[in-house]
Amino acid sequence: MPDTVHVLNGPNLNLLGTREPEVYGRATLADVEAACRAACARHGVDLVFRQTNHEGELVTFLQEARGSVGVVLNAAAYTHTSVAVADAIKAVGLNVVEVHLSNVFAREAFRHHSYISPVARGVICGLGIDGYRLAIDALAGAAGGRAS
């Protein structure tokens, strides 16, 4: 697992491509996974790609990522509500990059607060699926200079 990047996606991201495409774009979750696989391949790291609509399962996925290169986390709505997700990141000492497809700061005020940001290495928002690739580049580069 030390040469693995985990990409974890929260609630409703299984609906990408059809859910509010004017906000989230037309790319599907399968498109996101393909982009992540390509980015990981460029860095010579493996990929674990998961999505869940359940907070407890997301916490379990984070715990299972212990010892990995790091986690690209799009916690979706749990970003703004979940102390449990933030605590899981702290509890296992994960290297996390928080990612959002849309610019959360250009949206409703409740989206401006993140429980994840204080425990994340960095935050990328508003760049669509390119944000995932940039997060993988950052994690893989920080994990021993594998970045191309």
Protein backbone atom coordinates (compact mmCIF):
# COMPACT_ATOMS: atom_id res chain seq x y z
CA MET A 1 0.00 0.00 0.00
CA PRO A 2 2.87 2.51 0.34
CA ASP A 3 2.74 3.07 -3.42
CA THR A 4 -1.02 3.63 -3.54
CA VAL A 5 -3.13 6.75 -3.84
CA HIS A 6 -6.70 6.49 -2.59
CA VAL A 7 -9.31 8.64 -4.30
CA LEU A 8 -12.40 8.78 -2.12
CA ASN A 9 -15.68 10.32 -3.21
CA GLY A 10 -18.64 11.16 -1.02
CA PRO A 11 -22.40 11.37 -1.46
CA ASN A 12 -24.09 11.96 -4.79
CA LEU A 13 -20.87 11.87 -6.78
CA ASN A 14 -22.15 8.65 -8.36
CA LEU A 15 -24.57 10.99 -10.18
CA LEU A 16 -21.85 13.04 -11.91
CA GLY A 17 -22.65 13.83 -15.51
CA THR A 18 -26.38 14.05 -14.86
CA ARG A 19 -26.64 15.95 -11.56
CA GLU A 20 -26.56 19.72 -12.08
CA PRO A 21 -24.11 19.62 -14.99
CA GLU A 22 -24.01 23.44 -15.02
CA VAL A 23 -22.37 23.22 -11.57
CA TYR A 24 -20.46 19.93 -11.63
CA GLY A 25 -19.81 19.47 -15.35
CA ARG A 26 -20.70 16.67 -17.71
CA ALA A 27 -17.91 14.27 -16.78
CA THR A 28 -19.10 11.08 -15.11
CA LEU A 29 -17.56 9.34 -12.12
CA ALA A 30 -16.12 6.82 -14.60
CA ASP A 31 -14.42 9.73 -16.39
CA VAL A 32 -12.96 10.91 -13.07
CA GLU A 33 -11.67 7.40 -12.37
CA ALA A 34 -10.07 7.14 -15.81
CA ALA A 35 -8.31 10.49 -15.32
CA CYS A 36 -7.09 9.38 -11.90
CA ARG A 37 -5.81 6.04 -13.27
CA ALA A 38 -3.87 7.88 -15.96
CA ALA A 39 -2.35 10.30 -13.43
CA CYS A 40 -1.36 7.47 -11.09
CA ALA A 41 0.16 5.51 -13.97
CA ARG A 42 2.33 8.52 -14.88
CA HIS A 43 3.69 8.49 -11.33
CA GLY A 44 4.05 4.74 -11.04
CA VAL A 45 1.58 4.43 -8.17
CA ASP A 46 -1.47 2.25 -7.77
CA LEU A 47 -4.99 3.61 -7.39
CA VAL A 48 -7.83 2.70 -5.08
CA PHE A 49 -10.93 4.56 -6.31
CA ARG A 50 -14.11 4.52 -4.24
CA GLN A 51 -17.42 6.30 -3.83
CA THR A 52 -19.99 6.06 -1.06
CA ASN A 53 -23.17 7.77 -0.03
CA HIS A 54 -22.63 6.78 3.62
CA GLU A 55 -20.60 8.75 6.15
CA GLY A 56 -19.49 5.73 8.20
CA GLU A 57 -18.29 3.93 5.10
CA LEU A 58 -16.25 6.99 4.11
CA VAL A 59 -14.65 6.92 7.58
CA THR A 60 -13.81 3.23 7.05
CA PHE A 61 -12.27 4.00 3.64
CA LEU A 62 -10.10 6.67 5.27
CA GLN A 63 -8.95 4.26 7.96
CA GLU A 64 -8.11 1.67 5.30
CA ALA A 65 -5.89 4.23 3.52
CA ARG A 66 -3.43 4.30 6.43
CA GLY A 67 0.13 3.83 5.17
CA SER A 68 -0.66 4.94 1.61
CA VAL A 69 0.92 7.74 -0.40
CA GLY A 70 -2.15 9.76 0.43
CA VAL A 71 -5.80 10.45 -0.21
CA VAL A 72 -7.58 12.64 -2.71
CA LEU A 73 -10.82 13.36 -0.90
CA ASN A 74 -13.98 14.81 -2.35
CA ALA A 75 -16.18 14.41 0.70
CA ALA A 76 -18.95 16.35 -1.08
CA ALA A 77 -21.62 17.48 1.40
CA TYR A 78 -19.77 15.77 4.28
CA THR A 79 -17.10 18.44 3.86
CA HIS A 80 -19.45 20.90 5.49
CA THR A 81 -20.99 18.65 8.14
CA SER A 82 -18.75 15.78 9.21
CA VAL A 83 -16.59 15.97 12.28
CA ALA A 84 -16.29 12.18 11.97
CA VAL A 85 -14.51 12.44 8.60
CA ALA A 86 -12.12 15.09 9.92
CA ASP A 87 -11.43 12.99 13.03
CA ALA A 88 -10.67 9.93 10.88
CA ILE A 89 -8.09 11.90 8.90
CA LYS A 90 -6.43 13.06 12.13
CA ALA A 91 -6.67 9.65 13.79
CA VAL A 92 -4.69 7.85 11.11
CA GLY A 93 -2.38 10.70 10.13
CA LEU A 94 -3.33 10.77 6.47
CA ASN A 95 -1.81 12.99 3.81
CA VAL A 96 -5.03 14.38 2.29
CA VAL A 97 -5.77 16.79 -0.53
CA GLU A 98 -9.36 18.03 -0.39
CA VAL A 99 -10.92 18.39 -3.85
CA HIS A 100 -14.16 19.96 -5.06
CA LEU A 101 -15.31 20.09 -8.66
CA SER A 102 -17.03 23.44 -8.24
CA ASN A 103 -15.78 26.62 -6.62
CA VAL A 104 -17.48 26.21 -3.26
CA PHE A 105 -16.75 29.85 -2.40
CA ALA A 106 -18.85 31.05 -5.33
CA ARG A 107 -21.85 29.08 -4.05
CA GLU A 108 -24.15 29.10 -1.02
CA ALA A 109 -22.65 30.38 2.23
CA PHE A 110 -22.97 27.02 4.02
CA ARG A 111 -20.50 25.56 1.50
CA HIS A 112 -17.80 28.04 2.54
CA HIS A 113 -16.98 26.11 5.73
CA SER A 114 -15.00 22.87 5.62
CA TYR A 115 -14.28 20.49 8.47
CA ILE A 116 -11.71 18.83 6.17
CA SER A 117 -9.54 21.84 5.28
CA PRO A 118 -7.91 22.23 8.73
CA VAL A 119 -6.65 18.63 8.59
CA ALA A 120 -5.79 18.53 4.87
CA ARG A 121 -2.43 19.19 3.24
CA GLY A 122 -4.14 21.31 0.61
CA VAL A 123 -7.42 22.22 -1.05
CA ILE A 124 -8.27 22.37 -4.75
CA CYS A 125 -11.66 23.67 -5.85
CA GLY A 126 -13.34 24.94 -8.97
CA LEU A 127 -11.14 23.18 -11.54
CA GLY A 128 -13.51 20.34 -12.40
CA ILE A 129 -11.99 16.90 -12.79
CA ASP A 130 -8.55 18.45 -13.40
CA GLY A 131 -8.48 19.03 -9.64
CA TYR A 132 -8.16 15.29 -9.08
CA ARG A 133 -5.11 15.06 -11.36
CA LEU A 134 -3.48 18.02 -9.66
CA ALA A 135 -4.07 16.45 -6.26
CA ILE A 136 -2.51 13.16 -7.40
CA ASP A 137 0.46 15.10 -8.80
CA ALA A 138 0.92 16.80 -5.41
CA LEU A 139 0.65 13.58 -3.41
CA ALA A 140 2.84 11.47 -5.68
CA GLY A 141 5.45 14.22 -5.90
CA ALA A 142 5.57 14.50 -2.11
CA ALA A 143 5.98 10.75 -1.73
CA GLY A 144 9.53 10.34 -2.86
CA GLY A 145 9.89 12.35 -6.02
CA ARG A 146 7.96 10.06 -8.30
CA ALA A 147 6.35 13.04 -9.99
CA SER A 148 7.14 13.33 -13.68
